């Protein structure tokens, strides 16, 4: 059984906030791919850290109510850590390391009865600056990074090329070579038509 609780309305939300010292909320949507990817990680952390009346883990579907709007949730997934009803940490995006770090800090609030000052920063923001507070002036030339980006771009191009080719019915593997060449030629023609249309 999972330690997470699904919240469907504001009444349930208020009850959890009232009865629990620390609440970790996962704001998600059913259609959100990154939400589905980080969901099992959130469940594992909930199983490990949840404590009745001290630390609760809740999942809030942003399409089923206004709780997400109340907390200014604009991108998914968004995780909010609340201590005594006040947001002390926000993690935006499917970032398992940042989520785990926020939950470890939140568990210190429960264990030692500490204050929200454990959270010394604004939280993690998707596309925001990191914890080091680095600016664009600190960007350095990194040849390995450039090579990685070029390889990624080539890989994405090949994936898009072959995804079009799979729309053409491929001949059986034991088919004569001439049939396989005809299928490849059809694939190239389709690809050229798509490029011209763009």
C-alpha atoms as a PDB file:
ATOM      1  CA  UNK A   1       0.000   0.000   0.000  1.00  0.00           C
ATOM      2  CA  UNK A   2       1.296   3.413  -0.949  1.00  0.00           C
ATOM      3  CA  UNK A   3       1.933   6.116   1.628  1.00  0.00           C
ATOM      4  CA  UNK A   4       0.591   8.794  -0.727  1.00  0.00           C
ATOM      5  CA  UNK A   5      -2.902  10.201  -0.479  1.00  0.00           C
ATOM      6  CA  UNK A   6      -4.849  11.546  -3.461  1.00  0.00           C
ATOM      7  CA  UNK A   7      -6.481  14.904  -2.788  1.00  0.00           C
ATOM      8  CA  UNK A   8      -9.567  15.741  -4.842  1.00  0.00           C
ATOM      9  CA  UNK A   9     -10.925  18.896  -3.217  1.00  0.00           C
ATOM     10  CA  UNK A  10     -10.075  21.800  -0.945  1.00  0.00           C
ATOM     11  CA  UNK A  11     -11.794  20.256   2.093  1.00  0.00           C
ATOM     12  CA  UNK A  12      -9.466  17.224   1.985  1.00  0.00           C
ATOM     13  CA  UNK A  13      -6.490  19.525   1.389  1.00  0.00           C
ATOM     14  CA  UNK A  14      -7.331  21.684   4.410  1.00  0.00           C
ATOM     15  CA  UNK A  15      -7.756  18.593   6.612  1.00  0.00           C
ATOM     16  CA  UNK A  16      -4.326  17.263   5.649  1.00  0.00           C
ATOM     17  CA  UNK A  17      -2.689  20.649   6.272  1.00  0.00           C
ATOM     18  CA  UNK A  18      -4.431  20.953   9.628  1.00  0.00           C
ATOM     19  CA  UNK A  19      -3.523  17.471  10.886  1.00  0.00           C
ATOM     20  CA  UNK A  20       0.031  17.171   9.539  1.00  0.00           C
ATOM     21  CA  UNK A  21       3.172  19.115  10.421  1.00  0.00           C
ATOM     22  CA  UNK A  22       4.877  18.748   7.010  1.00  0.00           C
ATOM     23  CA  UNK A  23       3.058  18.067   3.727  1.00  0.00           C
ATOM     24  CA  UNK A  24       4.833  17.211   0.476  1.00  0.00           C
ATOM     25  CA  UNK A  25       2.454  17.783  -2.436  1.00  0.00           C
ATOM     26  CA  UNK A  26       2.887  16.449  -5.972  1.00  0.00           C
ATOM     27  CA  UNK A  27       0.894  18.609  -8.396  1.00  0.00           C
ATOM     28  CA  UNK A  28       0.394  16.520 -11.548  1.00  0.00           C
ATOM     29  CA  UNK A  29      -1.923  15.776 -14.473  1.00  0.00           C
ATOM     30  CA  UNK A  30      -2.836  12.412 -15.981  1.00  0.00           C
ATOM     31  CA  UNK A  31      -1.590  13.431 -19.449  1.00  0.00           C
ATOM     32  CA  UNK A  32       1.811  14.691 -18.187  1.00  0.00           C
ATOM     33  CA  UNK A  33       4.703  12.436 -19.290  1.00  0.00           C
ATOM     34  CA  UNK A  34       7.322  13.816 -16.849  1.00  0.00           C
ATOM     35  CA  UNK A  35       4.761  13.429 -14.032  1.00  0.00           C
ATOM     36  CA  UNK A  36       4.435   9.745 -14.875  1.00  0.00           C
ATOM     37  CA  UNK A  37       8.214   9.356 -15.021  1.00  0.00           C
ATOM     38  CA  UNK A  38       8.883  10.817 -11.566  1.00  0.00           C
ATOM     39  CA  UNK A  39       5.740   9.337  -9.975  1.00  0.00           C
ATOM     40  CA  UNK A  40       7.370   6.047  -8.865  1.00  0.00           C
ATOM     41  CA  UNK A  41      10.286   8.008  -7.356  1.00  0.00           C
ATOM     42  CA  UNK A  42       7.812  10.139  -5.367  1.00  0.00           C
ATOM     43  CA  UNK A  43       6.034   6.955  -4.196  1.00  0.00           C
ATOM     44  CA  UNK A  44       9.321   5.420  -2.976  1.00  0.00           C
ATOM     45  CA  UNK A  45      10.220   8.583  -1.073  1.00  0.00           C
ATOM     46  CA  UNK A  46       6.731   8.642   0.436  1.00  0.00           C
ATOM     47  CA  UNK A  47       7.054   5.031   1.581  1.00  0.00           C
ATOM     48  CA  UNK A  48      10.391   5.858   3.199  1.00  0.00           C
ATOM     49  CA  UNK A  49       9.642   9.208   4.869  1.00  0.00           C
ATOM     50  CA  UNK A  50       5.879   9.374   5.565  1.00  0.00           C
ATOM     51  CA  UNK A  51       4.929   9.506   9.253  1.00  0.00           C
ATOM     52  CA  UNK A  52       1.336   9.798  10.500  1.00  0.00           C
ATOM     53  CA  UNK A  53       0.493  13.331  11.694  1.00  0.00           C
ATOM     54  CA  UNK A  54       4.089  14.427  11.099  1.00  0.00           C
ATOM     55  CA  UNK A  55       4.868  14.091   7.392  1.00  0.00           C
ATOM     56  CA  UNK A  56       2.279  13.408   4.680  1.00  0.00           C
ATOM     57  CA  UNK A  57       2.733  12.879   0.950  1.00  0.00           C
ATOM     58  CA  UNK A  58      -0.184  13.897  -1.255  1.00  0.00           C
ATOM     59  CA  UNK A  59      -0.892  13.889  -4.977  1.00  0.00           C
ATOM     60  CA  UNK A  60      -3.045  16.710  -6.329  1.00  0.00           C
ATOM     61  CA  UNK A  61      -4.469  16.398  -9.839  1.00  0.00           C
ATOM     62  CA  UNK A  62      -4.409  19.945 -11.207  1.00  0.00           C
ATOM     63  CA  UNK A  63      -7.313  19.174 -13.534  1.00  0.00           C
ATOM     64  CA  UNK A  64      -9.680  18.310 -10.666  1.00  0.00           C
ATOM     65  CA  UNK A  65      -9.820  21.461  -8.627  1.00  0.00           C
ATOM     66  CA  UNK A  66      -8.366  24.835  -7.816  1.00  0.00           C
ATOM     67  CA  UNK A  67      -5.655  23.847  -5.341  1.00  0.00           C
ATOM     68  CA  UNK A  68      -2.951  24.118  -8.003  1.00  0.00           C
ATOM     69  CA  UNK A  69      -4.138  27.613  -8.902  1.00  0.00           C
ATOM     70  CA  UNK A  70      -4.095  28.642  -5.225  1.00  0.00           C
ATOM     71  CA  UNK A  71      -0.392  27.795  -5.081  1.00  0.00           C
ATOM     72  CA  UNK A  72       0.512  29.262  -8.474  1.00  0.00           C
ATOM     73  CA  UNK A  73       1.332  25.950 -10.156  1.00  0.00           C
ATOM     74  CA  UNK A  74       2.151  26.768 -13.783  1.00  0.00           C
ATOM     75  CA  UNK A  75       4.223  23.800 -14.919  1.00  0.00           C
ATOM     76  CA  UNK A  76       4.057  20.097 -14.235  1.00  0.00           C
ATOM     77  CA  UNK A  77       5.148  18.318 -12.230  1.00  0.00           C
ATOM     78  CA  UNK A  78       5.499  20.766  -9.349  1.00  0.00           C
ATOM     79  CA  UNK A  79       6.301  19.655  -5.821  1.00  0.00           C
ATOM     80  CA  UNK A  80       5.567  21.881  -2.836  1.00  0.00           C
ATOM     81  CA  UNK A  81       6.835  21.267   0.696  1.00  0.00           C
ATOM     82  CA  UNK A  82       4.587  22.903   3.280  1.00  0.00           C
ATOM     83  CA  UNK A  83       5.531  23.309   6.950  1.00  0.00           C
ATOM     84  CA  UNK A  84       2.571  24.203   9.168  1.00  0.00           C
ATOM     85  CA  UNK A  85       0.638  25.260   6.063  1.00  0.00           C
ATOM     86  CA  UNK A  86       3.355  27.542   4.653  1.00  0.00           C
ATOM     87  CA  UNK A  87       5.277  26.686   1.469  1.00  0.00           C
ATOM     88  CA  UNK A  88       8.971  26.367   2.363  1.00  0.00           C
ATOM     89  CA  UNK A  89      10.270  24.671  -0.792  1.00  0.00           C
ATOM     90  CA  UNK A  90       9.195  24.284  -4.418  1.00  0.00           C
ATOM     91  CA  UNK A  91      10.666  21.857  -6.932  1.00  0.00           C
ATOM     92  CA  UNK A  92       9.491  22.374 -10.502  1.00  0.00           C
ATOM     93  CA  UNK A  93      10.045  19.714 -13.140  1.00  0.00           C
ATOM     94  CA  UNK A  94      10.910  16.032 -13.000  1.00  0.00           C
ATOM     95  CA  UNK A  95      14.139  16.426 -11.033  1.00  0.00           C
ATOM     96  CA  UNK A  96      14.588  13.373  -8.748  1.00  0.00           C
ATOM     97  CA  UNK A  97      17.725  14.733  -7.046  1.00  0.00           C
ATOM     98  CA  UNK A  98      16.110  18.074  -6.154  1.00  0.00           C
ATOM     99  CA  UNK A  99      12.952  16.315  -4.959  1.00  0.00           C
ATOM    100  CA  UNK A 100      14.921  13.917  -2.763  1.00  0.00           C
ATOM    101  CA  UNK A 101      16.952  16.811  -1.334  1.00  0.00           C
ATOM    102  CA  UNK A 102      13.809  18.766  -0.484  1.00  0.00           C
ATOM    103  CA  UNK A 103      12.257  15.740   1.219  1.00  0.00           C
ATOM    104  CA  UNK A 104      15.409  15.055   3.245  1.00  0.00           C
ATOM    105  CA  UNK A 105      15.348  18.690   4.442  1.00  0.00           C
ATOM    106  CA  UNK A 106      11.648  18.374   5.236  1.00  0.00           C
ATOM    107  CA  UNK A 107      12.283  15.234   7.277  1.00  0.00           C
ATOM    108  CA  UNK A 108      14.693  17.270   9.435  1.00  0.00           C
ATOM    109  CA  UNK A 109      11.800  19.574  10.295  1.00  0.00           C
ATOM    110  CA  UNK A 110       9.865  16.558  11.557  1.00  0.00           C
ATOM    111  CA  UNK A 111      12.742  14.795  13.341  1.00  0.00           C
ATOM    112  CA  UNK A 112      14.218  17.680  15.241  1.00  0.00           C
ATOM    113  CA  UNK A 113      11.189  19.922  15.317  1.00  0.00           C
ATOM    114  CA  UNK A 114      13.359  22.463  13.508  1.00  0.00           C
ATOM    115  CA  UNK A 115      12.228  25.591  11.786  1.00  0.00           C
ATOM    116  CA  UNK A 116      11.645  26.292   8.130  1.00  0.00           C
ATOM    117  CA  UNK A 117      15.053  28.008   8.035  1.00  0.00           C
ATOM    118  CA  UNK A 118      16.441  24.597   7.016  1.00  0.00           C
ATOM    119  CA  UNK A 119      15.302  25.684   3.568  1.00  0.00           C
ATOM    120  CA  UNK A 120      17.722  28.483   2.865  1.00  0.00           C
ATOM    121  CA  UNK A 121      16.833  29.108  -0.772  1.00  0.00           C
ATOM    122  CA  UNK A 122      13.808  29.759  -2.976  1.00  0.00           C
ATOM    123  CA  UNK A 123      13.737  26.186  -4.225  1.00  0.00           C
ATOM    124  CA  UNK A 124      14.429  24.663  -7.603  1.00  0.00           C
ATOM    125  CA  UNK A 125      12.851  26.324 -10.612  1.00  0.00           C
ATOM    126  CA  UNK A 126      12.759  24.799 -14.063  1.00  0.00           C
ATOM    127  CA  UNK A 127      15.099  26.851 -16.224  1.00  0.00           C
ATOM    128  CA  UNK A 128      16.161  28.938 -13.244  1.00  0.00           C
ATOM    129  CA  UNK A 129      19.638  29.467 -11.928  1.00  0.00           C
ATOM    130  CA  UNK A 130      21.170  26.696  -9.875  1.00  0.00           C
ATOM    131  CA  UNK A 131      22.009  26.701  -6.201  1.00  0.00           C
ATOM    132  CA  UNK A 132      25.387  28.269  -6.912  1.00  0.00           C
ATOM    133  CA  UNK A 133      23.719  31.394  -8.259  1.00  0.00           C
ATOM    134  CA  UNK A 134      25.772  31.274 -11.434  1.00  0.00           C
ATOM    135  CA  UNK A 135      25.054  33.765 -14.178  1.00  0.00           C
ATOM    136  CA  UNK A 136      25.590  33.713 -17.916  1.00  0.00           C
ATOM    137  CA  UNK A 137      28.975  35.352 -17.387  1.00  0.00           C
ATOM    138  CA  UNK A 138      30.340  32.066 -16.042  1.00  0.00           C
ATOM    139  CA  UNK A 139      29.720  30.066 -19.237  1.00  0.00           C
ATOM    140  CA  UNK A 140      32.866  28.383 -20.507  1.00  0.00           C
ATOM    141  CA  UNK A 141      33.722  26.696 -23.774  1.00  0.00           C
ATOM    142  CA  UNK A 142      33.424  22.935 -23.315  1.00  0.00           C
ATOM    143  CA  UNK A 143      34.274  20.856 -26.420  1.00  0.00           C
ATOM    144  CA  UNK A 144      32.864  17.657 -24.915  1.00  0.00           C
ATOM    145  CA  UNK A 145      29.519  19.350 -24.322  1.00  0.00           C
ATOM    146  CA  UNK A 146      29.436  20.598 -27.912  1.00  0.00           C
ATOM    147  CA  UNK A 147      30.184  17.098 -29.238  1.00  0.00           C
ATOM    148  CA  UNK A 148      27.408  15.692 -27.025  1.00  0.00           C
ATOM    149  CA  UNK A 149      24.951  18.243 -28.403  1.00  0.00           C
ATOM    150  CA  UNK A 150      25.924  17.489 -32.011  1.00  0.00           C
ATOM    151  CA  UNK A 151      25.496  13.748 -31.404  1.00  0.00           C
ATOM    152  CA  UNK A 152      22.096  14.401 -29.825  1.00  0.00           C
ATOM    153  CA  UNK A 153      20.961  16.490 -32.792  1.00  0.00           C
ATOM    154  CA  UNK A 154      22.102  13.828 -35.263  1.00  0.00           C
ATOM    155  CA  UNK A 155      20.370  11.142 -33.200  1.00  0.00           C
ATOM    156  CA  UNK A 156      17.121  13.108 -33.126  1.00  0.00           C
ATOM    157  CA  UNK A 157      17.325  13.636 -36.885  1.00  0.00           C
ATOM    158  CA  UNK A 158      17.796   9.903 -37.467  1.00  0.00           C
ATOM    159  CA  UNK A 159      14.905   9.058 -35.156  1.00  0.00           C
ATOM    160  CA  UNK A 160      12.615  11.448 -37.025  1.00  0.00           C
ATOM    161  CA  UNK A 161      13.827  10.052 -40.370  1.00  0.00           C
ATOM    162  CA  UNK A 162      13.182   6.439 -39.413  1.00  0.00           C
ATOM    163  CA  UNK A 163       9.854   7.189 -37.741  1.00  0.00           C
ATOM    164  CA  UNK A 164       8.590   8.303 -41.157  1.00  0.00           C
ATOM    165  CA  UNK A 165      10.061   5.185 -42.751  1.00  0.00           C
ATOM    166  CA  UNK A 166       8.152   2.890 -40.422  1.00  0.00           C
ATOM    167  CA  UNK A 167       4.897   4.215 -41.856  1.00  0.00           C
ATOM    168  CA  UNK A 168       5.779   2.419 -45.092  1.00  0.00           C
ATOM    169  CA  UNK A 169       4.952  -1.260 -44.879  1.00  0.00           C
ATOM    170  CA  UNK A 170       8.305  -2.992 -44.763  1.00  0.00           C
ATOM    171  CA  UNK A 171       8.722  -6.253 -46.654  1.00  0.00           C
ATOM    172  CA  UNK A 172       9.368  -9.443 -44.738  1.00  0.00           C
ATOM    173  CA  UNK A 173      12.998 -10.064 -43.752  1.00  0.00           C
ATOM    174  CA  UNK A 174      13.166 -13.044 -46.118  1.00  0.00           C
ATOM    175  CA  UNK A 175      11.811 -11.015 -49.047  1.00  0.00           C
ATOM    176  CA  UNK A 176      14.055 -10.569 -52.082  1.00  0.00           C
ATOM    177  CA  UNK A 177      16.520  -7.717 -51.969  1.00  0.00           C
ATOM    178  CA  UNK A 178      14.682  -5.902 -54.770  1.00  0.00           C
ATOM    179  CA  UNK A 179      11.504  -5.655 -52.640  1.00  0.00           C
ATOM    180  CA  UNK A 180      13.466  -4.278 -49.687  1.00  0.00           C
ATOM    181  CA  UNK A 181      15.154  -1.691 -51.920  1.00  0.00           C
ATOM    182  CA  UNK A 182      11.766  -0.566 -53.271  1.00  0.00           C
ATOM    183  CA  UNK A 183      10.498  -0.067 -49.707  1.00  0.00           C
ATOM    184  CA  UNK A 184      13.595   1.964 -48.832  1.00  0.00           C
ATOM    185  CA  UNK A 185      13.128   4.087 -51.949  1.00  0.00           C
ATOM    186  CA  UNK A 186       9.477   4.750 -50.991  1.00  0.00           C
ATOM    187  CA  UNK A 187      10.640   5.798 -47.546  1.00  0.00           C
ATOM    188  CA  UNK A 188      13.114   8.293 -49.013  1.00  0.00           C
ATOM    189  CA  UNK A 189      10.417   9.708 -51.317  1.00  0.00           C
ATOM    190  CA  UNK A 190       8.053  10.220 -48.382  1.00  0.00           C
ATOM    191  CA  UNK A 191      10.818  11.905 -46.427  1.00  0.00           C
ATOM    192  CA  UNK A 192      11.581  14.261 -49.328  1.00  0.00           C
ATOM    193  CA  UNK A 193       7.895  15.202 -49.628  1.00  0.00           C
ATOM    194  CA  UNK A 194       7.774  16.004 -45.915  1.00  0.00           C
ATOM    195  CA  UNK A 195      10.871  18.199 -46.159  1.00  0.00           C
ATOM    196  CA  UNK A 196       9.405  20.091 -49.140  1.00  0.00           C
ATOM    197  CA  UNK A 197       6.105  20.626 -47.278  1.00  0.00           C
ATOM    198  CA  UNK A 198       7.865  22.227 -44.311  1.00  0.00           C
END
